[in-house]
Protein backbone atom coordinates (compact mmCIF):
# COMPACT_ATOMS: atom_id res chain seq x y z
CA GLU A 1 73.36 -3.03 16.16
CA ALA A 2 74.34 -6.59 15.31
CA LEU A 3 75.01 -5.50 11.72
CA ARG A 4 77.30 -2.70 12.92
CA GLU A 5 79.18 -5.10 15.16
CA ARG A 6 79.63 -7.54 12.29
CA ALA A 7 80.91 -4.72 10.05
CA ARG A 8 83.37 -3.67 12.75
CA GLN A 9 84.65 -7.23 13.09
CA ILE A 10 85.18 -7.53 9.33
CA LYS A 11 87.24 -4.35 9.12
CA ALA A 12 89.21 -5.11 12.29
CA HIS A 13 90.02 -8.60 11.03
CA ALA A 14 91.13 -7.28 7.63
CA LEU A 15 93.45 -4.76 9.28
CA ALA A 16 94.88 -7.39 11.62
CA HIS A 17 95.82 -9.51 8.59
CA LEU A 18 96.36 -6.69 6.09
CA PRO A 19 99.56 -7.98 4.39
CA TYR A 20 97.95 -11.37 3.70
CA TYR A 21 94.78 -9.93 2.16
CA LEU A 22 96.66 -7.35 0.11
CA GLU A 23 98.87 -10.04 -1.39
CA GLN A 24 95.82 -12.18 -2.09
CA LEU A 25 94.09 -9.24 -3.77
CA GLU A 26 97.17 -8.57 -5.90
CA ALA A 27 97.37 -12.20 -7.02
CA GLU A 28 93.68 -12.35 -7.95
CA VAL A 29 93.75 -9.06 -9.86
CA ARG A 30 96.76 -10.24 -11.87
CA ALA A 31 95.00 -13.56 -12.51
CA THR A 32 92.12 -11.71 -14.17
CA GLY A 33 94.49 -9.78 -16.45
CA GLY A 34 94.88 -6.62 -14.39
CA HIS A 35 98.04 -4.77 -13.39
CA VAL A 36 98.84 -3.93 -9.77
CA HIS A 37 101.08 -1.07 -8.65
CA TRP A 38 102.23 -0.23 -5.11
CA ALA A 39 102.73 3.41 -4.14
CA ARG A 40 104.53 4.49 -0.98
CA ASP A 41 103.11 8.01 -1.08
CA GLY A 42 101.03 10.39 -3.15
CA ALA A 43 103.90 11.50 -5.36
CA GLU A 44 104.70 7.92 -6.34
CA ALA A 45 101.04 7.15 -7.02
CA CYS A 46 100.70 10.22 -9.24
CA GLY A 47 103.90 9.27 -11.05
CA ILE A 48 102.59 5.77 -11.76
CA ILE A 49 99.31 7.07 -13.17
CA LEU A 50 101.05 9.75 -15.23
CA ASP A 51 103.39 7.14 -16.69
CA ILE A 52 100.41 4.97 -17.71
CA ALA A 53 98.77 7.96 -19.37
CA ARG A 54 101.94 8.86 -21.27
CA ARG A 55 102.47 5.29 -22.52
CA HIS A 56 98.98 5.29 -24.00
CA GLY A 57 99.14 8.82 -25.35
CA VAL A 58 96.20 9.87 -23.19
CA ARG A 59 95.25 13.55 -23.41
CA THR A 60 91.75 13.42 -21.89
CA VAL A 61 90.77 11.76 -18.62
CA VAL A 62 87.42 11.32 -16.91
CA LYS A 63 87.25 10.71 -13.17
CA SER A 64 84.57 9.46 -10.85
CA LYS A 65 84.45 10.80 -7.29
CA SER A 66 87.46 9.63 -5.32
CA MET A 67 88.62 11.05 -2.00
CA THR A 68 91.89 9.16 -2.39
CA THR A 69 92.79 10.95 -5.62
CA GLU A 70 91.85 14.23 -3.93
CA GLU A 71 94.18 13.24 -1.08
CA ILE A 72 97.16 12.87 -3.44
CA GLU A 73 96.14 15.88 -5.60
CA LEU A 74 96.21 13.79 -8.76
CA ASN A 75 94.38 16.34 -10.91
CA HIS A 76 97.12 18.94 -10.51
CA VAL A 77 99.80 16.48 -11.64
CA LEU A 78 97.88 15.39 -14.73
CA GLU A 79 96.87 18.92 -15.71
CA HIS A 80 100.45 20.14 -15.30
CA ASP A 81 101.39 17.57 -17.96
CA GLY A 82 98.78 18.98 -20.33
CA ILE A 83 96.16 16.29 -19.75
CA GLN A 84 92.55 17.47 -19.57
CA VAL A 85 90.84 16.03 -16.50
CA THR A 86 87.06 16.09 -16.06
CA GLU A 87 85.34 15.28 -12.79
CA THR A 88 82.13 13.45 -13.67
CA ASP A 89 80.44 13.33 -10.28
CA LEU A 90 77.92 16.18 -10.40
CA GLY A 91 79.13 17.83 -7.20
CA GLU A 92 82.79 17.46 -8.14
CA PHE A 93 82.04 18.78 -11.64
CA ILE A 94 80.46 21.92 -10.19
CA LEU A 95 83.43 22.56 -7.92
CA GLN A 96 85.96 21.87 -10.67
CA LEU A 97 84.42 24.60 -12.82
CA ILE A 98 85.06 27.20 -10.10
CA GLY A 99 88.26 25.73 -8.66
CA GLU A 100 86.96 24.82 -5.20
CA LYS A 101 87.71 21.85 -2.97
CA PRO A 102 85.01 19.41 -1.79
CA GLY A 103 83.14 20.39 1.36
CA HIS A 104 81.78 16.96 2.29
CA ILE A 105 82.97 13.37 1.88
CA LEU A 106 79.78 12.36 0.05
CA GLY A 107 78.25 15.63 -1.15
CA PRO A 108 81.21 17.68 -2.43
CA ALA A 109 79.04 20.68 -3.37
CA ILE A 110 76.61 20.40 -0.46
CA HIS A 111 77.48 23.99 0.50
CA LYS A 112 76.17 25.36 -2.82
CA THR A 113 72.57 26.43 -3.43
CA LYS A 114 70.80 25.68 -6.71
CA GLU A 115 70.94 29.40 -7.52
CA GLN A 116 74.71 29.37 -7.14
CA VAL A 117 74.96 26.23 -9.29
CA ALA A 118 72.80 27.89 -11.95
CA GLU A 119 75.17 30.87 -11.99
CA VAL A 120 78.21 28.59 -12.30
CA PHE A 121 76.71 26.66 -15.21
CA SER A 122 75.61 29.84 -16.94
CA GLN A 123 79.12 31.33 -16.73
CA HIS A 124 81.15 28.22 -17.55
CA LEU A 125 78.89 26.17 -19.83
CA GLY A 126 77.32 29.06 -21.73
CA ILE A 127 73.74 28.01 -21.02
CA PRO A 128 70.69 29.96 -19.81
CA ARG A 129 70.39 30.49 -16.07
CA TYR A 130 68.04 27.62 -15.23
CA ASP A 131 66.23 27.61 -11.89
CA GLN A 132 65.11 23.98 -11.67
CA PRO A 133 67.41 21.18 -10.41
CA GLU A 134 66.21 18.89 -13.20
CA GLN A 135 67.29 21.40 -15.84
CA LEU A 136 70.67 21.87 -14.18
CA THR A 137 71.22 18.12 -13.99
CA MET A 138 70.34 17.70 -17.66
CA ALA A 139 72.76 20.49 -18.59
CA ALA A 140 75.56 18.75 -16.70
CA ARG A 141 74.67 15.44 -18.33
CA THR A 142 74.84 17.00 -21.79
CA ALA A 143 78.20 18.62 -21.05
CA LEU A 144 79.68 15.41 -19.67
CA ARG A 145 78.38 12.92 -22.21
CA HIS A 146 80.82 13.76 -25.01
CA ARG A 147 83.72 13.85 -22.55
CA PHE A 148 83.02 10.25 -21.61
CA LEU A 149 83.14 9.28 -25.27
CA GLN A 150 86.39 11.17 -25.94
CA ALA A 151 88.32 10.07 -22.85
CA GLY A 152 91.34 7.84 -23.27
CA MET A 153 91.51 6.96 -19.58
CA GLY A 154 89.02 6.60 -16.75
CA ILE A 155 90.15 6.99 -13.13
CA SER A 156 88.08 5.84 -10.19
CA GLY A 157 88.40 5.31 -6.50
CA VAL A 158 87.69 2.04 -4.74
CA ASN A 159 85.12 1.52 -2.00
CA PHE A 160 86.17 -2.06 -1.32
CA GLY A 161 88.72 -4.48 -2.74
CA VAL A 162 87.64 -8.11 -2.28
CA ALA A 163 90.72 -10.24 -1.73
CA GLU A 164 89.27 -13.68 -2.49
CA THR A 165 88.12 -12.74 -6.01
CA GLY A 166 90.23 -9.71 -6.93
CA THR A 167 87.03 -7.70 -7.31
CA ILE A 168 87.15 -3.90 -7.19
CA VAL A 169 83.89 -2.40 -5.93
CA VAL A 170 82.79 1.13 -6.81
CA VAL A 171 79.60 2.42 -5.19
CA GLU A 172 77.64 5.44 -6.48
CA ASN A 173 74.18 6.91 -7.11
CA GLU A 174 74.65 8.79 -10.39
CA GLY A 175 75.94 6.24 -12.91
CA ASN A 176 78.99 8.31 -13.83
CA ALA A 177 81.44 5.87 -12.23
CA ARG A 178 80.08 3.03 -14.33
CA LEU A 179 80.73 5.03 -17.49
CA THR A 180 84.15 6.09 -16.21
CA THR A 181 85.21 2.50 -15.61
CA SER A 182 83.74 0.95 -18.77
CA LEU A 183 83.97 3.39 -21.70
CA PRO A 184 87.66 4.50 -21.85
CA LYS A 185 90.23 2.00 -23.08
CA VAL A 186 92.26 2.28 -19.87
CA HIS A 187 90.83 2.16 -16.36
CA VAL A 188 92.97 3.09 -13.35
CA ALA A 189 91.55 2.43 -9.87
CA VAL A 190 93.25 4.14 -6.91
CA MET A 191 92.77 2.34 -3.59
CA GLY A 192 93.93 3.13 -0.10
CA MET A 193 95.37 -0.12 1.24
CA GLU A 194 92.89 -0.16 4.14
CA LYS A 195 90.00 -0.74 1.68
CA VAL A 196 90.76 -4.45 1.24
CA ILE A 197 88.27 -6.93 2.74
CA PRO A 198 88.44 -10.73 2.82
CA THR A 199 85.35 -12.14 1.05
CA MET A 200 82.27 -11.42 -1.04
CA ALA A 201 80.13 -12.31 1.97
CA ASP A 202 81.88 -9.53 3.88
CA LEU A 203 81.13 -7.17 1.01
CA ILE A 204 77.38 -7.71 1.39
CA THR A 205 77.52 -6.74 5.06
CA LEU A 206 79.61 -3.64 4.45
CA MET A 207 77.48 -2.53 1.50
CA ARG A 208 74.40 -2.63 3.72
CA VAL A 209 75.90 -0.47 6.47
CA LEU A 210 77.54 1.90 3.97
CA ALA A 211 74.33 2.68 2.10
CA ARG A 212 72.26 3.13 5.24
CA SER A 213 74.79 5.32 7.00
CA ALA A 214 75.66 7.38 3.93
CA THR A 215 72.30 8.13 2.33
CA GLY A 216 69.65 6.17 4.22
CA GLN A 217 69.20 3.73 1.34
CA THR A 218 68.84 -0.01 1.63
CA MET A 219 71.44 -0.35 -1.11
CA PRO A 220 73.18 2.15 -3.41
CA VAL A 221 71.71 2.76 -6.86
CA TYR A 222 74.85 1.53 -8.63
CA ALA A 223 77.40 -0.96 -7.36
CA SER A 224 80.01 -1.86 -9.97
CA LEU A 225 81.96 -5.07 -9.31
CA ILE A 226 85.02 -4.97 -11.56
CA ASN A 227 87.20 -7.99 -12.31
CA GLY A 228 90.03 -6.91 -14.57
CA PRO A 229 89.85 -5.69 -18.18
CA ARG A 230 87.34 -6.66 -20.84
CA ARG A 231 87.55 -10.28 -21.92
CA ALA A 232 87.17 -11.70 -25.41
CA GLY A 233 83.56 -11.50 -26.52
CA GLU A 234 82.57 -8.84 -23.97
CA ALA A 235 81.10 -5.62 -25.34
CA ASP A 236 81.92 -3.31 -22.44
CA GLY A 237 84.96 -2.62 -20.33
CA PRO A 238 88.50 -1.28 -20.72
CA ASP A 239 91.29 -2.94 -22.67
CA GLU A 240 93.61 -2.42 -19.68
CA PHE A 241 92.94 -2.31 -15.96
CA HIS A 242 95.41 -0.94 -13.42
CA LEU A 243 95.02 -1.01 -9.64
CA VAL A 244 97.18 1.45 -7.68
CA ILE A 245 97.41 0.50 -4.00
CA LEU A 246 98.34 3.53 -1.91
CA ASP A 247 100.13 3.65 1.44
CA ASN A 248 100.69 7.39 2.07
CA GLY A 249 101.02 6.99 5.84
CA ARG A 250 98.60 4.12 6.30
CA THR A 251 101.22 1.57 7.39
CA ARG A 252 102.39 4.06 10.00
CA ILE A 253 98.85 4.28 11.36
CA LEU A 254 98.52 0.50 11.23
CA ALA A 255 101.59 0.18 13.44
CA ASP A 256 100.06 2.55 16.02
CA PRO A 257 97.84 0.45 18.33
CA GLU A 258 96.04 3.54 19.65
CA MET A 259 95.19 4.88 16.18
CA ARG A 260 94.83 1.73 14.05
CA GLU A 261 91.08 1.77 14.57
CA SER A 262 90.77 4.88 12.37
CA LEU A 263 91.63 2.77 9.31
CA GLN A 264 88.28 0.99 9.68
CA CYS A 265 86.54 4.07 8.20
CA ILE A 266 84.38 3.29 5.15
CA ARG A 267 83.90 6.98 4.19
CA CYS A 268 80.14 7.06 4.77
CA GLY A 269 80.04 10.63 6.07
CA ALA A 270 77.65 9.84 8.94
CA CYS A 271 79.91 11.44 11.55
CA LEU A 272 79.96 14.70 9.57
CA ASN A 273 76.18 14.85 9.44
CA VAL A 274 75.77 14.73 13.24
CA CYS A 275 78.80 16.81 14.25
CA PRO A 276 77.82 20.23 15.71
CA VAL A 277 81.21 21.68 14.76
CA TYR A 278 80.95 20.54 11.14
CA GLN A 279 77.36 21.81 10.95
CA ARG A 280 78.61 25.21 12.06
CA THR A 281 81.74 25.47 9.91
CA ALA A 282 81.21 23.06 6.96
CA GLY A 283 84.21 21.27 5.49
CA HIS A 284 86.63 23.85 4.12
CA PRO A 285 87.97 25.24 7.45
CA TYR A 286 89.45 21.79 8.15
CA GLY A 287 92.03 22.50 5.44
CA SER A 288 91.92 18.90 4.26
CA VAL A 289 90.00 16.75 1.83
CA TYR A 290 88.86 14.79 4.89
CA SER A 291 86.66 16.93 7.11
CA GLY A 292 84.39 16.37 10.09
CA PRO A 293 85.24 14.22 13.10
CA ILE A 294 86.98 11.46 11.16
CA GLY A 295 88.89 14.07 9.18
CA ALA A 296 90.07 15.62 12.44
CA VAL A 297 91.52 12.20 13.26
CA ILE A 298 93.01 10.92 10.02
CA THR A 299 94.39 14.20 8.67
CA PRO A 300 96.90 14.63 11.54
CA LEU A 301 97.75 10.95 11.16
CA TYR A 302 98.36 11.21 7.41
CA LEU A 303 100.15 14.57 7.47
CA GLY A 304 101.74 14.39 10.91
CA ILE A 305 100.59 16.10 14.09
CA ASP A 306 102.94 19.03 13.42
CA ARG A 307 100.97 20.00 10.29
CA ALA A 308 97.44 19.58 11.68
CA ALA A 309 97.74 19.96 15.44
CA GLN A 310 94.57 22.04 15.81
CA LEU A 311 92.18 19.64 14.09
CA PRO A 312 91.64 17.25 17.04
CA PHE A 313 90.42 20.26 19.02
CA ALA A 314 87.68 20.96 16.44
CA SER A 315 85.18 18.88 18.37
CA SER A 316 82.79 19.34 21.28
CA LEU A 317 83.37 15.68 22.28
CA CYS A 318 79.60 15.22 22.43
CA GLY A 319 80.07 11.62 21.29
CA ALA A 320 77.52 11.69 18.47
CA CYS A 321 80.14 10.68 15.89
CA GLY A 322 80.97 7.51 17.77
CA GLU A 323 77.31 6.64 18.19
CA VAL A 324 76.51 6.76 14.47
CA CYS A 325 79.69 5.22 13.06
CA PRO A 326 78.64 2.05 11.18
CA VAL A 327 81.91 0.29 12.00
CA LYS A 328 81.98 1.52 15.61
CA ILE A 329 85.12 3.62 15.48
CA ASP A 330 85.55 5.29 18.87
CA ILE A 331 86.18 8.70 17.32
CA PRO A 332 85.94 10.68 20.60
CA ARG A 333 88.68 8.53 22.14
CA LEU A 334 90.90 9.02 19.10
CA LEU A 335 90.37 12.78 19.25
CA VAL A 336 91.29 12.94 22.93
CA THR A 337 94.40 10.85 22.30
CA LEU A 338 95.50 13.15 19.48
CA ARG A 339 94.88 16.19 21.65
CA ALA A 340 97.19 14.76 24.28
CA ARG A 341 99.84 14.11 21.61
CA ALA A 342 99.52 17.65 20.27
CA VAL A 343 99.98 19.13 23.73
CA ALA A 344 102.90 16.80 24.48
CA ALA A 345 104.53 17.93 21.24
CA GLY A 346 104.30 21.55 22.37
CA HIS A 347 101.53 22.68 20.01
CA ALA A 348 99.31 24.26 22.67
CA PRO A 349 99.54 28.09 22.58
CA ALA A 350 101.45 29.64 25.47
CA ALA A 351 98.41 31.60 26.64
CA GLU A 352 96.37 28.41 26.73
CA ARG A 353 99.03 26.54 28.68
CA TRP A 354 99.29 29.28 31.30
CA SER A 355 95.50 29.58 31.53
CA PHE A 356 95.13 25.90 32.32
CA ARG A 357 97.97 26.02 34.82
CA LEU A 358 96.19 28.87 36.60
CA TRP A 359 92.93 26.92 36.46
CA GLN A 360 94.68 23.85 37.87
CA TRP A 361 96.17 25.92 40.71
CA ALA A 362 92.75 27.32 41.62
CA MET A 363 90.96 23.95 41.42
CA GLU A 364 93.52 22.36 43.73
CA ARG A 365 92.99 25.01 46.42
CA SER A 366 89.64 25.86 48.00
CA GLY A 367 90.72 29.40 48.76
CA GLY A 368 92.06 29.92 45.26
CA TYR A 369 88.79 28.67 43.75
CA ALA A 370 86.74 31.04 45.91
CA LEU A 371 89.02 33.98 45.11
CA GLY A 372 88.81 33.27 41.39
CA GLY A 373 85.03 33.14 41.56
CA ARG A 374 84.80 36.51 43.32
CA LEU A 375 87.16 38.15 40.84
CA MET A 376 85.24 36.76 37.85
CA ARG A 377 81.88 37.98 39.19
CA ARG A 378 83.23 41.46 39.73
CA ALA A 379 84.82 41.54 36.29
CA LEU A 380 81.64 40.39 34.54
CA ARG A 381 79.55 43.04 36.30
CA LEU A 382 81.58 45.68 34.47
CA PHE A 383 80.10 44.43 31.18
CA GLU A 384 76.57 43.67 32.39
CA ARG A 385 73.73 45.32 30.45
CA ASP A 386 70.03 44.59 31.04
CA GLY A 387 70.71 41.48 33.07
CA LYS A 388 73.12 39.86 30.62
CA VAL A 389 76.67 40.11 29.31
CA SER A 390 76.53 40.55 25.53
CA SER A 391 80.08 41.63 24.81
CA LEU A 392 83.48 40.84 26.30
CA PRO A 393 86.92 42.16 25.35
CA PHE A 394 89.66 40.08 23.75
CA PRO A 395 90.58 37.26 24.31
CA PHE A 396 87.03 36.38 25.42
CA SER A 397 85.26 38.25 22.61
CA GLN A 398 84.68 35.13 20.51
CA TRP A 399 82.52 33.64 23.26
CA THR A 400 80.02 36.52 23.01
CA GLN A 401 79.87 36.73 19.22
CA SER A 402 77.02 34.23 19.10
CA ARG A 403 75.79 33.95 22.70
CA ASP A 404 75.10 36.03 25.80
CA PHE A 405 76.33 35.26 29.28
CA PRO A 406 73.80 35.54 32.12
CA ALA A 407 74.58 38.30 34.55
CA PRO A 408 76.63 37.06 37.52
CA PRO A 409 74.57 36.43 40.68
CA ALA A 410 74.98 38.62 43.71
CA LYS A 411 76.12 35.63 45.74
CA SER A 412 77.97 32.49 44.74
CA PHE A 413 76.68 28.99 45.45
CA ARG A 414 79.27 28.61 48.20
CA GLU A 415 78.01 31.77 49.90
CA ARG A 416 74.38 30.68 49.63
CA TRP A 417 75.26 27.23 50.95
CA ARG A 418 76.87 28.72 54.03
CA GLU A 419 73.70 30.73 54.71
CA VAL A 420 71.31 27.77 54.57
CA ARG A 421 73.43 25.30 56.54
């Protein structure tokens, strides 16, 4: 608990002094020979990266897993310009072959079985239909290896940017990000501006909570600490290093005192793993690269409440997400606040608004409450079969698709209470 509190303090402090630490990070990256670019939105970020690729005549790109590049839809921009882009994270590689979006922040293809993966590899890689995970992994490794060697540019995300040293930190468990950032001659790292942290000591704390909350590990298998391009005498590393710092709505969130806390997220995925709604629906129904409880918060903030007004309602408000968050983001509070904003903006359906007004009228009047109870009991008895209600007509039909209602009692609690008094 003390570690979580320390992690929360680090992120909160960095956000409170974000301009200072971003400028420090920029200065240190430039001092190590890197280039820093600032992007107001996704289109500008994609334009910067495309311009770098064109200047170097890049026709093949390898990418490590990056939610930020998914956010700005970088692949579409590069491919539209005729550049071949290969996702090298195993899950992302599987989904790229079949044109699907990630279903989880950490495990993009978590919704696929090994049989489905075997079918995908057989169809797209021209290999036998293997049935063992080890064989499938080796097939992916073989397919990806030559693409690493041919790539003119490697693109990665950034887990943390350490301001005091200009260090870009990329965390992974497969080793593909290390190849992506070291083999091609040009490395471009895309970082949301909220990823900056003050010191290397802070990095140690955040790495500990990230690994434990994400995968249950003490530390990740690979943690690459990148300080600019390759120096004279070094065997590995790119000839050029570019850091693209992305806003894309983050400064707007930073200026919102009620929502600023959401920028503390370190993308561990813990809230997704405990969310009953996510467990039921998986990630794609959220309609965003960011799914689960934190996705239901940050997607409306990034896109605007008008474009994602229903997402804050995709929660039971059980509170599990807030309990497991390693940086103590009060996700339930943020969801409730966004719900209120959605309703205030007129996004609640008319039927829902009138239903709650009727409910409010009944709850404010004892007689109205009693009358409503009697009417509901009589209505439910029309659908009672064998002591339960298994099917209701629209608009209540969705409630009985996966559950039965108990049959209504002959007498209400109020009636029984009057009898025993």
